[in-house]
Amino acid sequence: MQSGTRVYRKQIIEGVSIPAFIHNDSYFFTDLDVYEDGRVNCWNFEDFEHFKEDVRRGWVALSIPDNKNISIHGLGEWSIDNASWIFNRESFIEYVTSLIRELNPHMENIFKYRQKVVKGTRVGELGTGLIYKPDNPKDIFPKRIEGNSTNLFYRLKNEYYLVKVTVFADLTVSLNRLEKPVALTLAELEELVDKKIILTELPQNARVCIYGLGSFDIGECGYVVTIGEILSQIKDMLRELRGEPTSSHICIQAYKNYVENPTVENKEHLKISYENVPEHERMYLGDMDTKDIPIRMIIYGEQEIENWSHYRVAKLQGKKLPEIRIPKPDQ
């Protein structure tokens, strides 16, 4: 390489998100990020030809058979019945093509995937887009206000819409996957929760609509996250967008403080901060292996190791039981 200062550049690729399913043994609801260069994030992120193959082989699904389950990350899982769906595989490919053409009318600079290998290791890319809204849409180059989102149900008369609830750094909220998006403040969102217009738990046989995808009757519930937990998650999203520590950040720091200085006082601080984290997000407080088990062992006792998947598997197979060593509090 010639002598000089190393530089790199960033490029903004515009896109839109649309609902679909990933069929990976079970059916997982997801938002596909469709970009102007023809790439589509569908848990794979290569190029448009690969995307079409993923649709045609059923990895990207446009429907769920009756009596199968829909899994919605961070919200719940239900069986479905009496479903009605909009797309088949080819019509969905045509629809996504039309979206790319809207973003890129001349279909210029369409991306062609080539596998990148660095020192023998395949290098992939993250395809999840950053959510934003323009500060002033009339400006030629408007400031982007970043957002983050989660899924909730929105009751309209006798139907329940699976909406994308997006919160922005300016403390505004948008409900999407509706014919017309609904703009709210955080206080107005909480008011709709109080009125059970926005909710997580549905009555048996409720009709659920996913705008732009289809509808179905809800059946047996496998699990559901409470609305209170998701409201706590939304407030954490806002903290992160505004550069403030989230409940997870505070808990991770409390865990580090305890490990470095295992006092009774630090153990109590860890307990308080752990229980402030939304329950469905606590598993992410540790690494992919042990998750939140070490924290739970410190707070609630060493018997918590029995809930560790590696421990249960070893016990079932009669193998040597794995250990997690944690410091005990100084007296």
C-alpha atoms as a PDB file:
ATOM      1  CA  MET A   1       0.000   0.000   0.000  1.00  0.00           C
ATOM      2  CA  GLN A   2       1.248   3.479  -0.813  1.00  0.00           C
ATOM      3  CA  SER A   3       2.169   5.688   2.108  1.00  0.00           C
ATOM      4  CA  GLY A   4      -0.584   7.967   3.320  1.00  0.00           C
ATOM      5  CA  THR A   5      -3.396   8.255   5.802  1.00  0.00           C
ATOM      6  CA  ARG A   6      -6.021   5.521   5.829  1.00  0.00           C
ATOM      7  CA  VAL A   7      -9.574   6.702   5.118  1.00  0.00           C
ATOM      8  CA  TYR A   8     -13.000   5.134   4.673  1.00  0.00           C
ATOM      9  CA  ARG A   9     -16.419   6.425   3.678  1.00  0.00           C
ATOM     10  CA  LYS A  10     -19.985   5.652   4.604  1.00  0.00           C
ATOM     11  CA  GLN A  11     -22.878   5.475   2.182  1.00  0.00           C
ATOM     12  CA  ILE A  12     -26.564   5.841   3.025  1.00  0.00           C
ATOM     13  CA  ILE A  13     -28.762   3.330   1.187  1.00  0.00           C
ATOM     14  CA  GLU A  14     -32.463   4.153   1.521  1.00  0.00           C
ATOM     15  CA  GLY A  15     -35.029   1.435   2.075  1.00  0.00           C
ATOM     16  CA  VAL A  16     -38.415   0.437   3.456  1.00  0.00           C
ATOM     17  CA  SER A  17     -39.578  -2.312   5.840  1.00  0.00           C
ATOM     18  CA  ILE A  18     -42.403  -4.720   4.978  1.00  0.00           C
ATOM     19  CA  PRO A  19     -43.896  -7.655   6.923  1.00  0.00           C
ATOM     20  CA  ALA A  20     -43.275 -11.317   6.121  1.00  0.00           C
ATOM     21  CA  PHE A  21     -42.329 -14.579   7.847  1.00  0.00           C
ATOM     22  CA  ILE A  22     -39.144 -16.581   8.073  1.00  0.00           C
ATOM     23  CA  HIS A  23     -39.839 -20.323   7.970  1.00  0.00           C
ATOM     24  CA  ASN A  24     -37.007 -21.882   9.944  1.00  0.00           C
ATOM     25  CA  ASP A  25     -38.792 -24.986  11.294  1.00  0.00           C
ATOM     26  CA  SER A  26     -41.265 -22.589  12.960  1.00  0.00           C
ATOM     27  CA  TYR A  27     -42.811 -19.427  11.471  1.00  0.00           C
ATOM     28  CA  PHE A  28     -41.208 -16.231  12.721  1.00  0.00           C
ATOM     29  CA  PHE A  29     -42.790 -12.874  12.002  1.00  0.00           C
ATOM     30  CA  THR A  30     -40.250 -10.350  10.738  1.00  0.00           C
ATOM     31  CA  ASP A  31     -39.842  -7.056   8.933  1.00  0.00           C
ATOM     32  CA  LEU A  32     -37.896  -7.367   5.698  1.00  0.00           C
ATOM     33  CA  ASP A  33     -35.712  -4.341   4.986  1.00  0.00           C
ATOM     34  CA  VAL A  34     -35.853  -3.664   1.220  1.00  0.00           C
ATOM     35  CA  TYR A  35     -33.132  -1.364  -0.129  1.00  0.00           C
ATOM     36  CA  GLU A  36     -32.783   0.745  -3.268  1.00  0.00           C
ATOM     37  CA  ASP A  37     -29.747  -1.276  -4.411  1.00  0.00           C
ATOM     38  CA  GLY A  38     -31.883  -4.436  -4.602  1.00  0.00           C
ATOM     39  CA  ARG A  39     -30.728  -6.054  -1.369  1.00  0.00           C
ATOM     40  CA  VAL A  40     -33.326  -7.449   1.033  1.00  0.00           C
ATOM     41  CA  ASN A  41     -32.558  -8.359   4.634  1.00  0.00           C
ATOM     42  CA  CYS A  42     -34.356 -11.657   5.288  1.00  0.00           C
ATOM     43  CA  TRP A  43     -31.973 -13.081   7.910  1.00  0.00           C
ATOM     44  CA  ASN A  44     -29.801 -13.568   4.821  1.00  0.00           C
ATOM     45  CA  PHE A  45     -28.334 -10.461   3.201  1.00  0.00           C
ATOM     46  CA  GLU A  46     -26.895 -11.070  -0.224  1.00  0.00           C
ATOM     47  CA  ASP A  47     -28.536  -9.720  -3.409  1.00  0.00           C
ATOM     48  CA  PHE A  48     -31.946  -9.694  -5.098  1.00  0.00           C
ATOM     49  CA  GLU A  49     -31.391 -12.954  -6.973  1.00  0.00           C
ATOM     50  CA  HIS A  50     -30.567 -14.692  -3.690  1.00  0.00           C
ATOM     51  CA  PHE A  51     -33.665 -13.118  -2.144  1.00  0.00           C
ATOM     52  CA  LYS A  52     -35.879 -14.506  -4.902  1.00  0.00           C
ATOM     53  CA  GLU A  53     -34.384 -17.945  -4.285  1.00  0.00           C
ATOM     54  CA  ASP A  54     -35.151 -17.569  -0.556  1.00  0.00           C
ATOM     55  CA  VAL A  55     -38.790 -16.799  -1.405  1.00  0.00           C
ATOM     56  CA  ARG A  56     -39.144 -19.663  -3.884  1.00  0.00           C
ATOM     57  CA  ARG A  57     -37.593 -22.247  -1.543  1.00  0.00           C
ATOM     58  CA  GLY A  58     -39.915 -21.121   1.303  1.00  0.00           C
ATOM     59  CA  TRP A  59     -37.327 -19.571   3.626  1.00  0.00           C
ATOM     60  CA  VAL A  60     -39.226 -16.299   3.212  1.00  0.00           C
ATOM     61  CA  ALA A  61     -42.879 -17.211   3.729  1.00  0.00           C
ATOM     62  CA  LEU A  62     -45.974 -15.162   2.897  1.00  0.00           C
ATOM     63  CA  SER A  63     -48.454 -17.302   4.804  1.00  0.00           C
ATOM     64  CA  ILE A  64     -48.769 -19.686   7.734  1.00  0.00           C
ATOM     65  CA  PRO A  65     -50.902 -22.852   7.484  1.00  0.00           C
ATOM     66  CA  ASP A  66     -53.875 -23.120   9.808  1.00  0.00           C
ATOM     67  CA  ASN A  67     -53.139 -24.805  13.173  1.00  0.00           C
ATOM     68  CA  LYS A  68     -49.473 -23.762  12.995  1.00  0.00           C
ATOM     69  CA  ASN A  69     -47.925 -21.182  15.318  1.00  0.00           C
ATOM     70  CA  ILE A  70     -46.878 -17.615  14.678  1.00  0.00           C
ATOM     71  CA  SER A  71     -43.897 -16.484  16.757  1.00  0.00           C
ATOM     72  CA  ILE A  72     -43.447 -12.726  17.219  1.00  0.00           C
ATOM     73  CA  HIS A  73     -40.112 -11.884  18.832  1.00  0.00           C
ATOM     74  CA  GLY A  74     -40.501  -9.990  22.080  1.00  0.00           C
ATOM     75  CA  LEU A  75     -44.296 -10.285  22.042  1.00  0.00           C
ATOM     76  CA  GLY A  76     -45.539 -13.862  22.083  1.00  0.00           C
ATOM     77  CA  GLU A  77     -46.531 -17.033  20.257  1.00  0.00           C
ATOM     78  CA  TRP A  78     -49.986 -18.238  19.216  1.00  0.00           C
ATOM     79  CA  SER A  79     -51.608 -20.881  17.060  1.00  0.00           C
ATOM     80  CA  ILE A  80     -53.672 -19.542  14.165  1.00  0.00           C
ATOM     81  CA  ASP A  81     -56.815 -20.563  12.290  1.00  0.00           C
ATOM     82  CA  ASN A  82     -59.056 -19.316   9.451  1.00  0.00           C
ATOM     83  CA  ALA A  83     -56.160 -17.446   7.872  1.00  0.00           C
ATOM     84  CA  SER A  84     -56.442 -15.326   4.726  1.00  0.00           C
ATOM     85  CA  TRP A  85     -53.253 -14.228   2.967  1.00  0.00           C
ATOM     86  CA  ILE A  86     -52.570 -11.688   0.226  1.00  0.00           C
ATOM     87  CA  PHE A  87     -49.504 -12.964  -1.617  1.00  0.00           C
ATOM     88  CA  ASN A  88     -48.160 -16.074  -3.240  1.00  0.00           C
ATOM     89  CA  ARG A  89     -44.434 -16.414  -3.881  1.00  0.00           C
ATOM     90  CA  GLU A  90     -44.365 -14.886  -7.358  1.00  0.00           C
ATOM     91  CA  SER A  91     -46.723 -12.015  -6.575  1.00  0.00           C
ATOM     92  CA  PHE A  92     -44.605 -11.154  -3.540  1.00  0.00           C
ATOM     93  CA  ILE A  93     -41.432 -11.078  -5.635  1.00  0.00           C
ATOM     94  CA  GLU A  94     -43.241  -8.732  -8.049  1.00  0.00           C
ATOM     95  CA  TYR A  95     -44.305  -6.541  -5.120  1.00  0.00           C
ATOM     96  CA  VAL A  96     -40.780  -6.276  -3.725  1.00  0.00           C
ATOM     97  CA  THR A  97     -39.495  -5.516  -7.236  1.00  0.00           C
ATOM     98  CA  SER A  98     -41.975  -2.639  -7.446  1.00  0.00           C
ATOM     99  CA  LEU A  99     -40.748  -1.263  -4.114  1.00  0.00           C
ATOM    100  CA  ILE A 100     -37.147  -1.308  -5.315  1.00  0.00           C
ATOM    101  CA  ARG A 101     -38.235   0.442  -8.515  1.00  0.00           C
ATOM    102  CA  GLU A 102     -39.992   3.145  -6.467  1.00  0.00           C
ATOM    103  CA  LEU A 103     -36.789   3.731  -4.527  1.00  0.00           C
ATOM    104  CA  ASN A 104     -34.598   3.457  -7.624  1.00  0.00           C
ATOM    105  CA  PRO A 105     -36.695   4.256 -10.755  1.00  0.00           C
ATOM    106  CA  HIS A 106     -33.862   3.567 -13.227  1.00  0.00           C
ATOM    107  CA  MET A 107     -32.730   0.429 -11.348  1.00  0.00           C
ATOM    108  CA  GLU A 108     -29.178   1.758 -11.283  1.00  0.00           C
ATOM    109  CA  ASN A 109     -26.274   0.364  -9.257  1.00  0.00           C
ATOM    110  CA  ILE A 110     -28.105  -2.832  -8.330  1.00  0.00           C
ATOM    111  CA  PHE A 111     -25.897  -4.784  -5.955  1.00  0.00           C
ATOM    112  CA  LYS A 112     -24.360  -8.092  -7.057  1.00  0.00           C
ATOM    113  CA  TYR A 113     -23.204 -10.241  -4.168  1.00  0.00           C
ATOM    114  CA  ARG A 114     -19.682 -11.608  -4.066  1.00  0.00           C
ATOM    115  CA  GLN A 115     -18.531 -13.584  -1.062  1.00  0.00           C
ATOM    116  CA  LYS A 116     -15.889 -11.699   0.907  1.00  0.00           C
ATOM    117  CA  VAL A 117     -13.199 -13.797   2.579  1.00  0.00           C
ATOM    118  CA  VAL A 118     -10.564 -12.298   4.861  1.00  0.00           C
ATOM    119  CA  LYS A 119      -7.710 -14.585   5.940  1.00  0.00           C
ATOM    120  CA  GLY A 120      -9.822 -17.647   5.209  1.00  0.00           C
ATOM    121  CA  THR A 121     -12.890 -16.406   7.097  1.00  0.00           C
ATOM    122  CA  ARG A 122     -16.124 -15.510   5.343  1.00  0.00           C
ATOM    123  CA  VAL A 123     -17.156 -11.953   6.248  1.00  0.00           C
ATOM    124  CA  GLY A 124     -20.863 -11.134   6.254  1.00  0.00           C
ATOM    125  CA  GLU A 125     -22.765  -7.885   6.587  1.00  0.00           C
ATOM    126  CA  LEU A 126     -25.531  -6.750   8.896  1.00  0.00           C
ATOM    127  CA  GLY A 127     -28.613  -5.908   6.848  1.00  0.00           C
ATOM    128  CA  THR A 128     -30.892  -4.427   9.498  1.00  0.00           C
ATOM    129  CA  GLY A 129     -31.581  -0.805   8.684  1.00  0.00           C
ATOM    130  CA  LEU A 130     -31.619   2.162  11.061  1.00  0.00           C
ATOM    131  CA  ILE A 131     -35.112   3.545  11.583  1.00  0.00           C
ATOM    132  CA  TYR A 132     -35.469   7.299  11.181  1.00  0.00           C
ATOM    133  CA  LYS A 133     -37.839  10.115  10.327  1.00  0.00           C
ATOM    134  CA  PRO A 134     -36.911  13.461   8.735  1.00  0.00           C
ATOM    135  CA  ASP A 135     -36.857  16.420  11.096  1.00  0.00           C
ATOM    136  CA  ASN A 136     -38.312  18.679   8.388  1.00  0.00           C
ATOM    137  CA  PRO A 137     -39.457  16.779   5.273  1.00  0.00           C
ATOM    138  CA  LYS A 138     -39.431  20.022   3.252  1.00  0.00           C
ATOM    139  CA  ASP A 139     -35.665  20.416   3.643  1.00  0.00           C
ATOM    140  CA  ILE A 140     -33.507  19.150   0.787  1.00  0.00           C
ATOM    141  CA  PHE A 141     -31.210  17.402   3.250  1.00  0.00           C
ATOM    142  CA  PRO A 142     -33.339  17.005   6.385  1.00  0.00           C
ATOM    143  CA  LYS A 143     -31.847  15.993   9.699  1.00  0.00           C
ATOM    144  CA  ARG A 144     -32.575  12.344  10.520  1.00  0.00           C
ATOM    145  CA  ILE A 145     -34.183  11.645  13.880  1.00  0.00           C
ATOM    146  CA  GLU A 146     -33.356   8.056  14.811  1.00  0.00           C
ATOM    147  CA  GLY A 147     -35.889   5.619  16.189  1.00  0.00           C
ATOM    148  CA  ASN A 148     -36.353   2.076  17.411  1.00  0.00           C
ATOM    149  CA  SER A 149     -39.364  -0.205  17.343  1.00  0.00           C
ATOM    150  CA  THR A 150     -41.252  -3.116  18.851  1.00  0.00           C
ATOM    151  CA  ASN A 151     -44.479  -4.980  18.092  1.00  0.00           C
ATOM    152  CA  LEU A 152     -47.835  -4.543  19.831  1.00  0.00           C
ATOM    153  CA  PHE A 153     -51.517  -5.104  19.067  1.00  0.00           C
ATOM    154  CA  TYR A 154     -53.786  -2.147  18.274  1.00  0.00           C
ATOM    155  CA  ARG A 155     -57.535  -2.671  18.715  1.00  0.00           C
ATOM    156  CA  LEU A 156     -59.802  -1.198  16.052  1.00  0.00           C
ATOM    157  CA  LYS A 157     -63.451  -2.157  16.627  1.00  0.00           C
ATOM    158  CA  ASN A 158     -63.454  -5.972  16.690  1.00  0.00           C
ATOM    159  CA  GLU A 159     -60.074  -6.513  15.064  1.00  0.00           C
ATOM    160  CA  TYR A 160     -56.530  -6.368  16.375  1.00  0.00           C
ATOM    161  CA  TYR A 161     -53.751  -5.023  14.175  1.00  0.00           C
ATOM    162  CA  LEU A 162     -50.172  -6.137  14.696  1.00  0.00           C
ATOM    163  CA  VAL A 163     -48.550  -2.707  14.651  1.00  0.00           C
ATOM    164  CA  LYS A 164     -44.947  -1.582  14.595  1.00  0.00           C
ATOM    165  CA  VAL A 165     -44.593   0.870  17.473  1.00  0.00           C
ATOM    166  CA  THR A 166     -41.671   3.173  16.712  1.00  0.00           C
ATOM    167  CA  VAL A 167     -40.294   5.625  19.250  1.00  0.00           C
ATOM    168  CA  PHE A 168     -37.995   8.462  18.235  1.00  0.00           C
ATOM    169  CA  ALA A 169     -35.290  10.423  19.981  1.00  0.00           C
ATOM    170  CA  ASP A 170     -37.570  13.500  20.062  1.00  0.00           C
ATOM    171  CA  LEU A 171     -39.995  11.512  22.311  1.00  0.00           C
ATOM    172  CA  THR A 172     -42.629  11.060  19.583  1.00  0.00           C
ATOM    173  CA  VAL A 173     -44.228   7.714  18.721  1.00  0.00           C
ATOM    174  CA  SER A 174     -45.539   6.308  15.443  1.00  0.00           C
ATOM    175  CA  LEU A 175     -47.859   3.340  14.902  1.00  0.00           C
ATOM    176  CA  ASN A 176     -47.192   1.680  11.543  1.00  0.00           C
ATOM    177  CA  ARG A 177     -48.560  -1.288   9.595  1.00  0.00           C
ATOM    178  CA  LEU A 178     -51.850   0.561   9.363  1.00  0.00           C
ATOM    179  CA  GLU A 179     -53.512   2.116   6.311  1.00  0.00           C
ATOM    180  CA  LYS A 180     -52.558   5.483   7.781  1.00  0.00           C
ATOM    181  CA  PRO A 181     -49.775   5.755  10.402  1.00  0.00           C
ATOM    182  CA  VAL A 182     -50.819   7.160  13.777  1.00  0.00           C
ATOM    183  CA  ALA A 183     -48.626   9.826  15.418  1.00  0.00           C
ATOM    184  CA  LEU A 184     -48.592   9.935  19.240  1.00  0.00           C
ATOM    185  CA  THR A 185     -46.739  11.264  22.215  1.00  0.00           C
ATOM    186  CA  LEU A 186     -45.434   8.854  24.837  1.00  0.00           C
ATOM    187  CA  ALA A 187     -48.185  10.013  27.215  1.00  0.00           C
ATOM    188  CA  GLU A 188     -50.834   9.300  24.558  1.00  0.00           C
ATOM    189  CA  LEU A 189     -49.358   5.849  23.992  1.00  0.00           C
ATOM    190  CA  GLU A 190     -49.640   5.111  27.723  1.00  0.00           C
ATOM    191  CA  GLU A 191     -53.235   6.382  27.679  1.00  0.00           C
ATOM    192  CA  LEU A 192     -54.094   3.919  24.886  1.00  0.00           C
ATOM    193  CA  VAL A 193     -52.508   1.159  26.959  1.00  0.00           C
ATOM    194  CA  ASP A 194     -54.680   2.140  29.937  1.00  0.00           C
ATOM    195  CA  LYS A 195     -57.756   1.954  27.692  1.00  0.00           C
ATOM    196  CA  LYS A 196     -56.635  -1.494  26.411  1.00  0.00           C
ATOM    197  CA  ILE A 197     -56.557  -0.181  22.852  1.00  0.00           C
ATOM    198  CA  ILE A 198     -52.855  -1.037  22.693  1.00  0.00           C
ATOM    199  CA  LEU A 199     -52.130  -4.374  24.323  1.00  0.00           C
ATOM    200  CA  THR A 200     -50.269  -7.670  24.205  1.00  0.00           C
ATOM    201  CA  GLU A 201     -52.818 -10.198  25.513  1.00  0.00           C
ATOM    202  CA  LEU A 202     -55.682 -11.080  23.160  1.00  0.00           C
ATOM    203  CA  PRO A 203     -59.034 -12.752  23.761  1.00  0.00           C
ATOM    204  CA  GLN A 204     -59.502 -16.267  22.413  1.00  0.00           C
ATOM    205  CA  ASN A 205     -60.446 -16.342  18.698  1.00  0.00           C
ATOM    206  CA  ALA A 206     -59.647 -12.638  18.211  1.00  0.00           C
ATOM    207  CA  ARG A 207     -59.167 -11.626  14.573  1.00  0.00           C
ATOM    208  CA  VAL A 208     -55.619 -10.380  13.967  1.00  0.00           C
ATOM    209  CA  CYS A 209     -54.680  -8.320  10.901  1.00  0.00           C
ATOM    210  CA  ILE A 210     -51.174  -7.755   9.577  1.00  0.00           C
ATOM    211  CA  TYR A 211     -51.656  -4.876   7.169  1.00  0.00           C
ATOM    212  CA  GLY A 212     -50.116  -5.713   3.812  1.00  0.00           C
ATOM    213  CA  LEU A 213     -49.869  -9.437   4.546  1.00  0.00           C
ATOM    214  CA  GLY A 214     -53.122 -11.033   5.743  1.00  0.00           C
ATOM    215  CA  SER A 215     -55.315 -11.902   8.721  1.00  0.00           C
ATOM    216  CA  PHE A 216     -56.184 -14.858  10.944  1.00  0.00           C
ATOM    217  CA  ASP A 217     -57.968 -15.937  14.120  1.00  0.00           C
ATOM    218  CA  ILE A 218     -55.798 -16.276  17.200  1.00  0.00           C
ATOM    219  CA  GLY A 219     -55.833 -19.632  18.954  1.00  0.00           C
ATOM    220  CA  GLU A 220     -53.924 -21.137  21.844  1.00  0.00           C
ATOM    221  CA  CYS A 221     -51.306 -18.867  23.420  1.00  0.00           C
ATOM    222  CA  GLY A 222     -47.841 -20.355  23.941  1.00  0.00           C
ATOM    223  CA  TYR A 223     -46.476 -17.338  25.800  1.00  0.00           C
ATOM    224  CA  VAL A 224     -46.995 -13.595  25.869  1.00  0.00           C
ATOM    225  CA  VAL A 225     -44.955 -10.665  27.200  1.00  0.00           C
ATOM    226  CA  THR A 226     -46.948  -8.354  29.456  1.00  0.00           C
ATOM    227  CA  ILE A 227     -47.720  -4.837  28.304  1.00  0.00           C
ATOM    228  CA  GLY A 228     -45.957  -3.453  31.367  1.00  0.00           C
ATOM    229  CA  GLU A 229     -42.711  -5.177  30.364  1.00  0.00           C
ATOM    230  CA  ILE A 230     -42.922  -3.769  26.848  1.00  0.00           C
ATOM    231  CA  LEU A 231     -43.608  -0.258  28.143  1.00  0.00           C
ATOM    232  CA  SER A 232     -40.440  -0.580  30.217  1.00  0.00           C
ATOM    233  CA  GLN A 233     -38.618  -1.727  27.081  1.00  0.00           C
ATOM    234  CA  ILE A 234     -39.910   1.292  25.141  1.00  0.00           C
ATOM    235  CA  LYS A 235     -38.645   3.660  27.826  1.00  0.00           C
ATOM    236  CA  ASP A 236     -35.245   1.941  27.591  1.00  0.00           C
ATOM    237  CA  MET A 237     -35.299   2.468  23.822  1.00  0.00           C
ATOM    238  CA  LEU A 238     -35.842   6.175  24.377  1.00  0.00           C
ATOM    239  CA  ARG A 239     -32.965   6.330  26.869  1.00  0.00           C
ATOM    240  CA  GLU A 240     -30.639   4.662  24.387  1.00  0.00           C
ATOM    241  CA  LEU A 241     -31.718   6.950  21.536  1.00  0.00           C
ATOM    242  CA  ARG A 242     -30.990   9.949  23.751  1.00  0.00           C
ATOM    243  CA  GLY A 243     -27.577   8.629  24.773  1.00  0.00           C
ATOM    244  CA  GLU A 244     -28.642   7.759  28.323  1.00  0.00           C
ATOM    245  CA  PRO A 245     -27.885   4.446  30.104  1.00  0.00           C
ATOM    246  CA  THR A 246     -30.625   1.828  29.816  1.00  0.00           C
ATOM    247  CA  SER A 247     -31.713  -0.512  32.597  1.00  0.00           C
ATOM    248  CA  SER A 248     -29.575  -3.235  30.954  1.00  0.00           C
ATOM    249  CA  HIS A 249     -26.494  -1.001  30.892  1.00  0.00           C
ATOM    250  CA  ILE A 250     -27.020  -0.123  34.556  1.00  0.00           C
ATOM    251  CA  CYS A 251     -27.399  -3.803  35.498  1.00  0.00           C
ATOM    252  CA  ILE A 252     -24.288  -4.898  33.579  1.00  0.00           C
ATOM    253  CA  GLN A 253     -22.290  -2.201  35.339  1.00  0.00           C
ATOM    254  CA  ALA A 254     -23.719  -3.284  38.710  1.00  0.00           C
ATOM    255  CA  TYR A 255     -22.642  -6.862  37.945  1.00  0.00           C
ATOM    256  CA  LYS A 256     -19.100  -5.714  37.135  1.00  0.00           C
ATOM    257  CA  ASN A 257     -19.020  -3.652  40.328  1.00  0.00           C
ATOM    258  CA  TYR A 258     -20.057  -6.687  42.374  1.00  0.00           C
ATOM    259  CA  VAL A 259     -17.488  -8.999  40.767  1.00  0.00           C
ATOM    260  CA  GLU A 260     -14.740  -6.445  41.452  1.00  0.00           C
ATOM    261  CA  ASN A 261     -15.992  -5.696  44.955  1.00  0.00           C
ATOM    262  CA  PRO A 262     -18.386  -8.405  46.249  1.00  0.00           C
ATOM    263  CA  THR A 263     -20.032  -6.623  49.142  1.00  0.00           C
ATOM    264  CA  VAL A 264     -23.542  -7.043  50.526  1.00  0.00           C
ATOM    265  CA  GLU A 265     -24.298  -3.485  49.433  1.00  0.00           C
ATOM    266  CA  ASN A 266     -23.187  -4.143  45.842  1.00  0.00           C
ATOM    267  CA  LYS A 267     -25.224  -7.359  45.805  1.00  0.00           C
ATOM    268  CA  GLU A 268     -28.326  -5.354  46.767  1.00  0.00           C
ATOM    269  CA  HIS A 269     -27.585  -2.774  44.052  1.00  0.00           C
ATOM    270  CA  LEU A 270     -27.280  -5.643  41.552  1.00  0.00           C
ATOM    271  CA  LYS A 271     -30.624  -7.115  42.657  1.00  0.00           C
ATOM    272  CA  ILE A 272     -32.418  -3.786  42.260  1.00  0.00           C
ATOM    273  CA  SER A 273     -30.906  -3.066  38.841  1.00  0.00           C
ATOM    274  CA  TYR A 274     -31.564  -6.638  37.590  1.00  0.00           C
ATOM    275  CA  GLU A 275     -35.224  -6.524  38.569  1.00  0.00           C
ATOM    276  CA  ASN A 276     -35.579  -3.155  36.790  1.00  0.00           C
ATOM    277  CA  VAL A 277     -34.675  -4.794  33.470  1.00  0.00           C
ATOM    278  CA  PRO A 278     -37.744  -5.953  31.464  1.00  0.00           C
ATOM    279  CA  GLU A 279     -38.096  -9.658  32.201  1.00  0.00           C
ATOM    280  CA  HIS A 280     -37.990 -10.776  28.557  1.00  0.00           C
ATOM    281  CA  GLU A 281     -34.654  -8.954  28.080  1.00  0.00           C
ATOM    282  CA  ARG A 282     -32.807 -10.300  31.123  1.00  0.00           C
ATOM    283  CA  MET A 283     -31.385 -13.283  29.227  1.00  0.00           C
ATOM    284  CA  TYR A 284     -29.268 -10.841  27.188  1.00  0.00           C
ATOM    285  CA  LEU A 285     -27.419  -9.473  30.227  1.00  0.00           C
ATOM    286  CA  GLY A 286     -24.659 -12.062  29.980  1.00  0.00           C
ATOM    287  CA  ASP A 287     -22.865 -13.823  27.150  1.00  0.00           C
ATOM    288  CA  MET A 288     -24.512 -16.183  24.660  1.00  0.00           C
ATOM    289  CA  ASP A 289     -23.403 -19.167  26.731  1.00  0.00           C
ATOM    290  CA  THR A 290     -24.404 -18.399  30.320  1.00  0.00           C
ATOM    291  CA  LYS A 291     -26.929 -15.591  29.665  1.00  0.00           C
ATOM    292  CA  ASP A 292     -28.128 -14.110  33.000  1.00  0.00           C
ATOM    293  CA  ILE A 293     -27.477 -17.249  35.097  1.00  0.00           C
ATOM    294  CA  PRO A 294     -24.386 -15.843  36.934  1.00  0.00           C
ATOM    295  CA  ILE A 295     -26.349 -12.753  37.974  1.00  0.00           C
ATOM    296  CA  ARG A 296     -29.251 -14.873  39.196  1.00  0.00           C
ATOM    297  CA  MET A 297     -26.861 -17.096  41.157  1.00  0.00           C
ATOM    298  CA  ILE A 298     -25.471 -14.052  42.957  1.00  0.00           C
ATOM    299  CA  ILE A 299     -28.906 -12.610  43.739  1.00  0.00           C
ATOM    300  CA  TYR A 300     -31.069 -15.672  44.380  1.00  0.00           C
ATOM    301  CA  GLY A 301     -28.609 -18.441  45.230  1.00  0.00           C
ATOM    302  CA  GLU A 302     -26.326 -20.976  43.567  1.00  0.00           C
ATOM    303  CA  GLN A 303     -29.251 -23.340  42.869  1.00  0.00           C
ATOM    304  CA  GLU A 304     -30.061 -21.042  39.914  1.00  0.00           C
ATOM    305  CA  ILE A 305     -27.394 -22.909  37.949  1.00  0.00           C
ATOM    306  CA  GLU A 306     -29.965 -25.699  37.580  1.00  0.00           C
ATOM    307  CA  ASN A 307     -31.808 -23.431  35.112  1.00  0.00           C
ATOM    308  CA  TRP A 308     -28.732 -23.204  32.865  1.00  0.00           C
ATOM    309  CA  SER A 309     -29.298 -25.153  29.629  1.00  0.00           C
ATOM    310  CA  HIS A 310     -25.761 -26.586  29.621  1.00  0.00           C
ATOM    311  CA  TYR A 311     -26.247 -27.851  33.192  1.00  0.00           C
ATOM    312  CA  ARG A 312     -29.598 -29.482  32.386  1.00  0.00           C
ATOM    313  CA  VAL A 313     -28.241 -31.215  29.276  1.00  0.00           C
ATOM    314  CA  ALA A 314     -25.178 -32.540  31.142  1.00  0.00           C
ATOM    315  CA  LYS A 315     -27.373 -33.807  33.972  1.00  0.00           C
ATOM    316  CA  LEU A 316     -29.750 -35.507  31.534  1.00  0.00           C
ATOM    317  CA  GLN A 317     -26.849 -37.201  29.747  1.00  0.00           C
ATOM    318  CA  GLY A 318     -25.128 -38.224  32.975  1.00  0.00           C
ATOM    319  CA  LYS A 319     -22.030 -36.177  32.210  1.00  0.00           C
ATOM    320  CA  LYS A 320     -19.884 -34.095  34.544  1.00  0.00           C
ATOM    321  CA  LEU A 321     -21.895 -31.057  35.583  1.00  0.00           C
ATOM    322  CA  PRO A 322     -20.492 -27.700  34.407  1.00  0.00           C
ATOM    323  CA  GLU A 323     -19.721 -24.966  36.916  1.00  0.00           C
ATOM    324  CA  ILE A 324     -20.093 -21.204  37.068  1.00  0.00           C
ATOM    325  CA  ARG A 325     -17.895 -19.614  39.709  1.00  0.00           C
ATOM    326  CA  ILE A 326     -19.168 -16.472  41.358  1.00  0.00           C
ATOM    327  CA  PRO A 327     -17.693 -14.497  44.259  1.00  0.00           C
ATOM    328  CA  LYS A 328     -19.605 -14.639  47.526  1.00  0.00           C
ATOM    329  CA  PRO A 329     -20.314 -11.343  49.275  1.00  0.00           C
ATOM    330  CA  ASP A 330     -17.935 -10.186  51.996  1.00  0.00           C
ATOM    331  CA  GLN A 331     -19.510 -10.230  55.414  1.00  0.00           C
END
